[in-house]
Structure formats: structure tokens, C-alpha cells
PDB file of N, CA and C in Angstrom:
ATOM      1  N   UNK A   1     115.861-114.173   3.873  1.00  0.00           N
ATOM      2  CA  UNK A   1     115.033-113.451   2.918  1.00  0.00           C
ATOM      3  C   UNK A   1     113.563-113.598   3.271  1.00  0.00           C
ATOM      4  N   UNK A   2     112.832-112.546   2.922  1.00  0.00           N
ATOM      5  CA  UNK A   2     111.391-112.599   3.157  1.00  0.00           C
ATOM      6  C   UNK A   2     110.702-113.242   1.969  1.00  0.00           C
ATOM      7  N   UNK A   3     109.774-114.122   2.281  1.00  0.00           N
ATOM      8  CA  UNK A   3     108.991-114.755   1.224  1.00  0.00           C
ATOM      9  C   UNK A   3     107.770-113.883   0.944  1.00  0.00           C
ATOM     10  N   UNK A   4     107.509-113.625  -0.351  1.00  0.00           N
ATOM     11  CA  UNK A   4     106.360-112.806  -0.713  1.00  0.00           C
ATOM     12  C   UNK A   4     105.078-113.565  -0.404  1.00  0.00           C
ATOM     13  N   UNK A   5     104.160-112.880   0.195  1.00  0.00           N
ATOM     14  CA  UNK A   5     102.898-113.527   0.545  1.00  0.00           C
ATOM     15  C   UNK A   5     101.949-113.483  -0.647  1.00  0.00           C
ATOM     16  N   UNK A   6     101.251-114.580  -0.871  1.00  0.00           N
ATOM     17  CA  UNK A   6     100.256-114.638  -1.942  1.00  0.00           C
ATOM     18  C   UNK A   6      98.875-114.247  -1.430  1.00  0.00           C
ATOM     19  N   UNK A   7      98.796-113.962  -0.142  1.00  0.00           N
ATOM     20  CA  UNK A   7      97.494-113.594   0.421  1.00  0.00           C
ATOM     21  C   UNK A   7      97.078-112.227  -0.089  1.00  0.00           C
ATOM     22  N   UNK A   8      95.804-112.123  -0.435  1.00  0.00           N
ATOM     23  CA  UNK A   8      95.251-110.842  -0.875  1.00  0.00           C
ATOM     24  C   UNK A   8      94.429-110.278   0.261  1.00  0.00           C
ATOM     25  N   UNK A   9      94.570-109.000   0.470  1.00  0.00           N
ATOM     26  CA  UNK A   9      93.748-108.341   1.476  1.00  0.00           C
ATOM     27  C   UNK A   9      92.372-108.117   0.875  1.00  0.00           C
ATOM     28  N   UNK A  10      91.360-108.660   1.524  1.00  0.00           N
ATOM     29  CA  UNK A  10      90.000-108.514   1.014  1.00  0.00           C
ATOM     30  C   UNK A  10      89.282-107.453   1.834  1.00  0.00           C
ATOM     31  N   UNK A  11      88.890-106.388   1.150  1.00  0.00           N
ATOM     32  CA  UNK A  11      88.191-105.298   1.817  1.00  0.00           C
ATOM     33  C   UNK A  11      86.720-105.660   1.878  1.00  0.00           C
ATOM     34  N   UNK A  12      86.127-105.494   3.058  1.00  0.00           N
ATOM     35  CA  UNK A  12      84.710-105.812   3.214  1.00  0.00           C
ATOM     36  C   UNK A  12      84.008-104.631   3.857  1.00  0.00           C
ATOM     37  N   UNK A  13      82.701-104.546   3.610  1.00  0.00           N
ATOM     38  CA  UNK A  13      81.928-103.475   4.223  1.00  0.00           C
ATOM     39  C   UNK A  13      81.257-104.000   5.487  1.00  0.00           C
ATOM     40  N   UNK A  14      80.294-103.250   6.005  1.00  0.00           N
ATOM     41  CA  UNK A  14      79.641-103.614   7.264  1.00  0.00           C
ATOM     42  C   UNK A  14      78.931-104.958   7.204  1.00  0.00           C
ATOM     43  N   UNK A  15      78.420-105.328   6.018  1.00  0.00           N
ATOM     44  CA  UNK A  15      77.672-106.579   5.895  1.00  0.00           C
ATOM     45  C   UNK A  15      78.575-107.726   5.449  1.00  0.00           C
ATOM     46  N   UNK A  16      79.877-107.532   5.536  1.00  0.00           N
ATOM     47  CA  UNK A  16      80.872-108.548   5.176  1.00  0.00           C
ATOM     48  C   UNK A  16      80.785-108.986   3.719  1.00  0.00           C
ATOM     49  N   UNK A  17      80.403-108.073   2.832  1.00  0.00           N
ATOM     50  CA  UNK A  17      80.403-108.373   1.401  1.00  0.00           C
ATOM     51  C   UNK A  17      81.766-107.997   0.837  1.00  0.00           C
ATOM     52  N   UNK A  18      82.249-108.760  -0.112  1.00  0.00           N
ATOM     53  CA  UNK A  18      83.495-108.349  -0.783  1.00  0.00           C
ATOM     54  C   UNK A  18      83.291-107.006  -1.479  1.00  0.00           C
ATOM     55  N   UNK A  19      84.359-106.238  -1.617  1.00  0.00           N
ATOM     56  CA  UNK A  19      84.246-104.883  -2.170  1.00  0.00           C
ATOM     57  C   UNK A  19      83.711-104.898  -3.596  1.00  0.00           C
ATOM     58  N   UNK A  20      84.024-105.928  -4.381  1.00  0.00           N
ATOM     59  CA  UNK A  20      83.511-106.002  -5.757  1.00  0.00           C
ATOM     60  C   UNK A  20      81.994-106.138  -5.756  1.00  0.00           C
ATOM     61  N   UNK A  21      81.471-106.991  -4.890  1.00  0.00           N
ATOM     62  CA  UNK A  21      80.017-107.162  -4.800  1.00  0.00           C
ATOM     63  C   UNK A  21      79.370-105.879  -4.290  1.00  0.00           C
ATOM     64  N   UNK A  22      80.058-105.208  -3.373  1.00  0.00           N
ATOM     65  CA  UNK A  22      79.564-103.934  -2.855  1.00  0.00           C
ATOM     66  C   UNK A  22      79.448-102.918  -3.995  1.00  0.00           C
ATOM     67  N   UNK A  23      80.473-102.863  -4.860  1.00  0.00           N
ATOM     68  CA  UNK A  23      80.445-101.941  -6.004  1.00  0.00           C
ATOM     69  C   UNK A  23      79.279-102.264  -6.924  1.00  0.00           C
ATOM     70  N   UNK A  24      79.081-103.548  -7.216  1.00  0.00           N
ATOM     71  CA  UNK A  24      77.981-103.970  -8.091  1.00  0.00           C
ATOM     72  C   UNK A  24      76.650-103.543  -7.493  1.00  0.00           C
ATOM     73  N   UNK A  25      76.478-103.789  -6.199  1.00  0.00           N
ATOM     74  CA  UNK A  25      75.224-103.425  -5.527  1.00  0.00           C
ATOM     75  C   UNK A  25      75.010-101.915  -5.543  1.00  0.00           C
ATOM     76  N   UNK A  26      76.075-101.157  -5.313  1.00  0.00           N
ATOM     77  CA  UNK A  26      75.949 -99.700  -5.284  1.00  0.00           C
ATOM     78  C   UNK A  26      75.583 -99.153  -6.664  1.00  0.00           C
ATOM     79  N   UNK A  27      76.187 -99.699  -7.721  1.00  0.00           N
ATOM     80  CA  UNK A  27      75.843 -99.247  -9.070  1.00  0.00           C
ATOM     81  C   UNK A  27      74.400 -99.587  -9.403  1.00  0.00           C
ATOM     82  N   UNK A  28      73.949-100.755  -8.935  1.00  0.00           N
ATOM     83  CA  UNK A  28      72.560-101.151  -9.164  1.00  0.00           C
ATOM     84  C   UNK A  28      71.618-100.178  -8.460  1.00  0.00           C
ATOM     85  N   UNK A  29      71.918 -99.861  -7.208  1.00  0.00           N
ATOM     86  CA  UNK A  29      71.093 -98.920  -6.447  1.00  0.00           C
ATOM     87  C   UNK A  29      71.148 -97.523  -7.063  1.00  0.00           C
ATOM     88  N   UNK A  30      72.325 -97.112  -7.525  1.00  0.00           N
ATOM     89  CA  UNK A  30      72.473 -95.802  -8.162  1.00  0.00           C
ATOM     90  C   UNK A  30      71.639 -95.730  -9.436  1.00  0.00           C
ATOM     91  N   UNK A  31      71.647 -96.807 -10.215  1.00  0.00           N
ATOM     92  CA  UNK A  31      70.842 -96.858 -11.435  1.00  0.00           C
ATOM     93  C   UNK A  31      69.360 -96.731 -11.138  1.00  0.00           C
ATOM     94  N   UNK A  32      68.898 -97.451 -10.097  1.00  0.00           N
ATOM     95  CA  UNK A  32      67.486 -97.374  -9.717  1.00  0.00           C
ATOM     96  C   UNK A  32      67.132 -95.969  -9.238  1.00  0.00           C
ATOM     97  N   UNK A  33      68.024 -95.357  -8.477  1.00  0.00           N
ATOM     98  CA  UNK A  33      67.789 -93.996  -7.987  1.00  0.00           C
ATOM     99  C   UNK A  33      67.696 -93.009  -9.153  1.00  0.00           C
ATOM    100  N   UNK A  34      68.607 -93.131 -10.117  1.00  0.00           N
ATOM    101  CA  UNK A  34      68.589 -92.232 -11.274  1.00  0.00           C
ATOM    102  C   UNK A  34      67.311 -92.421 -12.087  1.00  0.00           C
ATOM    103  N   UNK A  35      66.849 -93.670 -12.187  1.00  0.00           N
ATOM    104  CA  UNK A  35      65.607 -93.938 -12.913  1.00  0.00           C
ATOM    105  C   UNK A  35      64.424 -93.265 -12.221  1.00  0.00           C
ATOM    106  N   UNK A  36      64.381 -93.370 -10.887  1.00  0.00           N
ATOM    107  CA  UNK A  36      63.284 -92.734 -10.138  1.00  0.00           C
ATOM    108  C   UNK A  36      63.350 -91.215 -10.270  1.00  0.00           C
ATOM    109  N   UNK A  37      64.554 -90.651 -10.200  1.00  0.00           N
ATOM    110  CA  UNK A  37      64.712 -89.199 -10.337  1.00  0.00           C
ATOM    111  C   UNK A  37      64.258 -88.760 -11.727  1.00  0.00           C
ATOM    112  N   UNK A  38      64.618 -89.542 -12.756  1.00  0.00           N
ATOM    113  CA  UNK A  38      64.211 -89.214 -14.123  1.00  0.00           C
ATOM    114  C   UNK A  38      62.688 -89.213 -14.232  1.00  0.00           C
ATOM    115  N   UNK A  39      62.037 -90.266 -13.696  1.00  0.00           N
ATOM    116  CA  UNK A  39      60.568 -90.354 -13.752  1.00  0.00           C
ATOM    117  C   UNK A  39      59.938 -89.166 -13.028  1.00  0.00           C
ATOM    118  N   UNK A  40      60.436 -88.862 -11.833  1.00  0.00           N
ATOM    119  CA  UNK A  40      59.877 -87.750 -11.052  1.00  0.00           C
ATOM    120  C   UNK A  40      60.058 -86.422 -11.780  1.00  0.00           C
ATOM    121  N   UNK A  41      61.239 -86.218 -12.358  1.00  0.00           N
ATOM    122  CA  UNK A  41      61.511 -84.970 -13.073  1.00  0.00           C
ATOM    123  C   UNK A  41      60.607 -84.848 -14.294  1.00  0.00           C
ATOM    124  N   UNK A  42      60.457 -85.951 -15.024  1.00  0.00           N
ATOM    125  CA  UNK A  42      59.589 -85.928 -16.203  1.00  0.00           C
ATOM    126  C   UNK A  42      58.154 -85.602 -15.805  1.00  0.00           C
ATOM    127  N   UNK A  43      57.664 -86.241 -14.744  1.00  0.00           N
ATOM    128  CA  UNK A  43      56.301 -85.971 -14.276  1.00  0.00           C
ATOM    129  C   UNK A  43      56.143 -84.522 -13.836  1.00  0.00           C
ATOM    130  N   UNK A  44      57.165 -83.981 -13.187  1.00  0.00           N
ATOM    131  CA  UNK A  44      57.118 -82.588 -12.748  1.00  0.00           C
ATOM    132  C   UNK A  44      57.039 -81.642 -13.948  1.00  0.00           C
ATOM    133  N   UNK A  45      57.861 -81.897 -14.961  1.00  0.00           N
ATOM    134  CA  UNK A  45      57.859 -81.043 -16.156  1.00  0.00           C
ATOM    135  C   UNK A  45      56.519 -81.130 -16.874  1.00  0.00           C
ATOM    136  N   UNK A  46      55.977 -82.339 -17.010  1.00  0.00           N
ATOM    137  CA  UNK A  46      54.666 -82.504 -17.648  1.00  0.00           C
ATOM    138  C   UNK A  46      53.605 -81.753 -16.853  1.00  0.00           C
ATOM    139  N   UNK A  47      53.667 -81.838 -15.529  1.00  0.00           N
ATOM    140  CA  UNK A  47      52.710 -81.122 -14.684  1.00  0.00           C
ATOM    141  C   UNK A  47      52.804 -79.619 -14.860  1.00  0.00           C
ATOM    142  N   UNK A  48      54.026 -79.102 -14.931  1.00  0.00           N
ATOM    143  CA  UNK A  48      54.219 -77.659 -15.119  1.00  0.00           C
ATOM    144  C   UNK A  48      53.624 -77.219 -16.456  1.00  0.00           C
ATOM    145  N   UNK A  49      53.865 -77.994 -17.514  1.00  0.00           N
ATOM    146  CA  UNK A  49      53.299 -77.640 -18.817  1.00  0.00           C
ATOM    147  C   UNK A  49      51.779 -77.711 -18.802  1.00  0.00           C
ATOM    148  N   UNK A  50      51.220 -78.691 -18.098  1.00  0.00           N
ATOM    149  CA  UNK A  50      49.758 -78.783 -17.997  1.00  0.00           C
ATOM    150  C   UNK A  50      49.183 -77.550 -17.308  1.00  0.00           C
ATOM    151  N   UNK A  51      49.823 -77.111 -16.239  1.00  0.00           N
ATOM    152  CA  UNK A  51      49.357 -75.919 -15.521  1.00  0.00           C
ATOM    153  C   UNK A  51      49.491 -74.688 -16.419  1.00  0.00           C
ATOM    154  N   UNK A  52      50.613 -74.564 -17.115  1.00  0.00           N
ATOM    155  CA  UNK A  52      50.805 -73.420 -18.014  1.00  0.00           C
ATOM    156  C   UNK A  52      49.744 -73.411 -19.111  1.00  0.00           C
ATOM    157  N   UNK A  53      49.452 -74.578 -19.667  1.00  0.00           N
ATOM    158  CA  UNK A  53      48.448 -74.662 -20.728  1.00  0.00           C
ATOM    159  C   UNK A  53      47.064 -74.308 -20.186  1.00  0.00           C
ATOM    160  N   UNK A  54      46.736 -74.793 -18.991  1.00  0.00           N
ATOM    161  CA  UNK A  54      45.437 -74.483 -18.386  1.00  0.00           C
ATOM    162  C   UNK A  54      45.305 -72.977 -18.135  1.00  0.00           C
ATOM    163  N   UNK A  55      46.365 -72.352 -17.638  1.00  0.00           N
ATOM    164  CA  UNK A  55      46.339 -70.902 -17.399  1.00  0.00           C
ATOM    165  C   UNK A  55      46.185 -70.157 -18.723  1.00  0.00           C
ATOM    166  N   UNK A  56      46.907 -70.599 -19.743  1.00  0.00           N
ATOM    167  CA  UNK A  56      46.787 -69.977 -21.065  1.00  0.00           C
ATOM    168  C   UNK A  56      45.346 -70.063 -21.569  1.00  0.00           C
ATOM    169  N   UNK A  57      44.736 -71.262 -21.429  1.00  0.00           N
ATOM    170  CA  UNK A  57      43.354 -71.431 -21.897  1.00  0.00           C
ATOM    171  C   UNK A  57      42.409 -70.515 -21.119  1.00  0.00           C
ATOM    172  N   UNK A  58      42.613 -70.415 -19.816  1.00  0.00           N
ATOM    173  CA  UNK A  58      41.759 -69.536 -19.003  1.00  0.00           C
ATOM    174  C   UNK A  58      41.913 -68.080 -19.430  1.00  0.00           C
ATOM    175  N   UNK A  59      43.157 -67.646 -19.609  1.00  0.00           N
ATOM    176  CA  UNK A  59      43.397 -66.261 -20.023  1.00  0.00           C
ATOM    177  C   UNK A  59      42.851 -66.006 -21.418  1.00  0.00           C
ATOM    178  N   UNK A  60      43.052 -66.968 -22.309  1.00  0.00           N
ATOM    179  CA  UNK A  60      42.570 -66.829 -23.682  1.00  0.00           C
ATOM    180  C   UNK A  60      41.043 -66.749 -23.709  1.00  0.00           C
ATOM    181  N   UNK A  61      40.390 -67.620 -22.951  1.00  0.00           N
ATOM    182  CA  UNK A  61      38.926 -67.616 -22.877  1.00  0.00           C
ATOM    183  C   UNK A  61      38.436 -66.316 -22.247  1.00  0.00           C
ATOM    184  N   UNK A  62      39.115 -65.888 -21.190  1.00  0.00           N
ATOM    185  CA  UNK A  62      38.736 -64.641 -20.525  1.00  0.00           C
ATOM    186  C   UNK A  62      38.897 -63.447 -21.441  1.00  0.00           C
ATOM    187  N   UNK A  63      39.969 -63.438 -22.233  1.00  0.00           N
ATOM    188  CA  UNK A  63      40.211 -62.329 -23.160  1.00  0.00           C
ATOM    189  C   UNK A  63      39.144 -62.303 -24.249  1.00  0.00           C
ATOM    190  N   UNK A  64      38.771 -63.480 -24.749  1.00  0.00           N
ATOM    191  CA  UNK A  64      37.734 -63.545 -25.791  1.00  0.00           C
ATOM    192  C   UNK A  64      36.390 -63.076 -25.243  1.00  0.00           C
ATOM    193  N   UNK A  65      36.074 -63.467 -24.000  1.00  0.00           N
ATOM    194  CA  UNK A  65      34.803 -63.061 -23.388  1.00  0.00           C
ATOM    195  C   UNK A  65      34.783 -61.561 -23.120  1.00  0.00           C
ATOM    196  N   UNK A  66      35.926 -60.992 -22.782  1.00  0.00           N
ATOM    197  CA  UNK A  66      35.988 -59.558 -22.486  1.00  0.00           C
ATOM    198  C   UNK A  66      35.793 -58.736 -23.754  1.00  0.00           C
ATOM    199  N   UNK A  67      36.269 -59.255 -24.891  1.00  0.00           N
ATOM    200  CA  UNK A  67      36.162 -58.530 -26.160  1.00  0.00           C
ATOM    201  C   UNK A  67      34.725 -58.554 -26.667  1.00  0.00           C
ATOM    202  N   UNK A  68      34.043 -59.694 -26.533  1.00  0.00           N
ATOM    203  CA  UNK A  68      32.686 -59.799 -27.095  1.00  0.00           C
ATOM    204  C   UNK A  68      31.602 -59.313 -26.186  1.00  0.00           C
TER     205      UNK A  68
END
């Protein structure tokens, strides 16, 4: 009869980290990436609104000057 082996196959990546630690590290990096993307997106949206508001003010001022 064959005896069942108690050995567990441990999957490792290129840096010889256990797969569980690799998962933890990847989730940490993914979280940091998502945070940076969120900050960049928020800054982009704020910038777009600032430009739109500046254009509105210019057009509004120009329209008032043209009328008077």
C-alpha cells in the first residue's frame, strides 16, 4: 500500500516568497495603485472644473462688456 504523504507543495514566485505572502504583497501594491489612480482622477476632475469655470467667467465677462 502507498502511504499518504503529509508534505505540502509550496508554490513560490521568482523571489522565493510563499504564495500567501505573494498574495498579501500584491493586494498591498494593488491598494496603493488604486489610491494613486483615485488621487490622479480626482485632481483631473477638479482641474477640468476649474478650466470650465474660468472659461465661463471669461465668456460671462466678455458678454457683459459687449452689451455695455
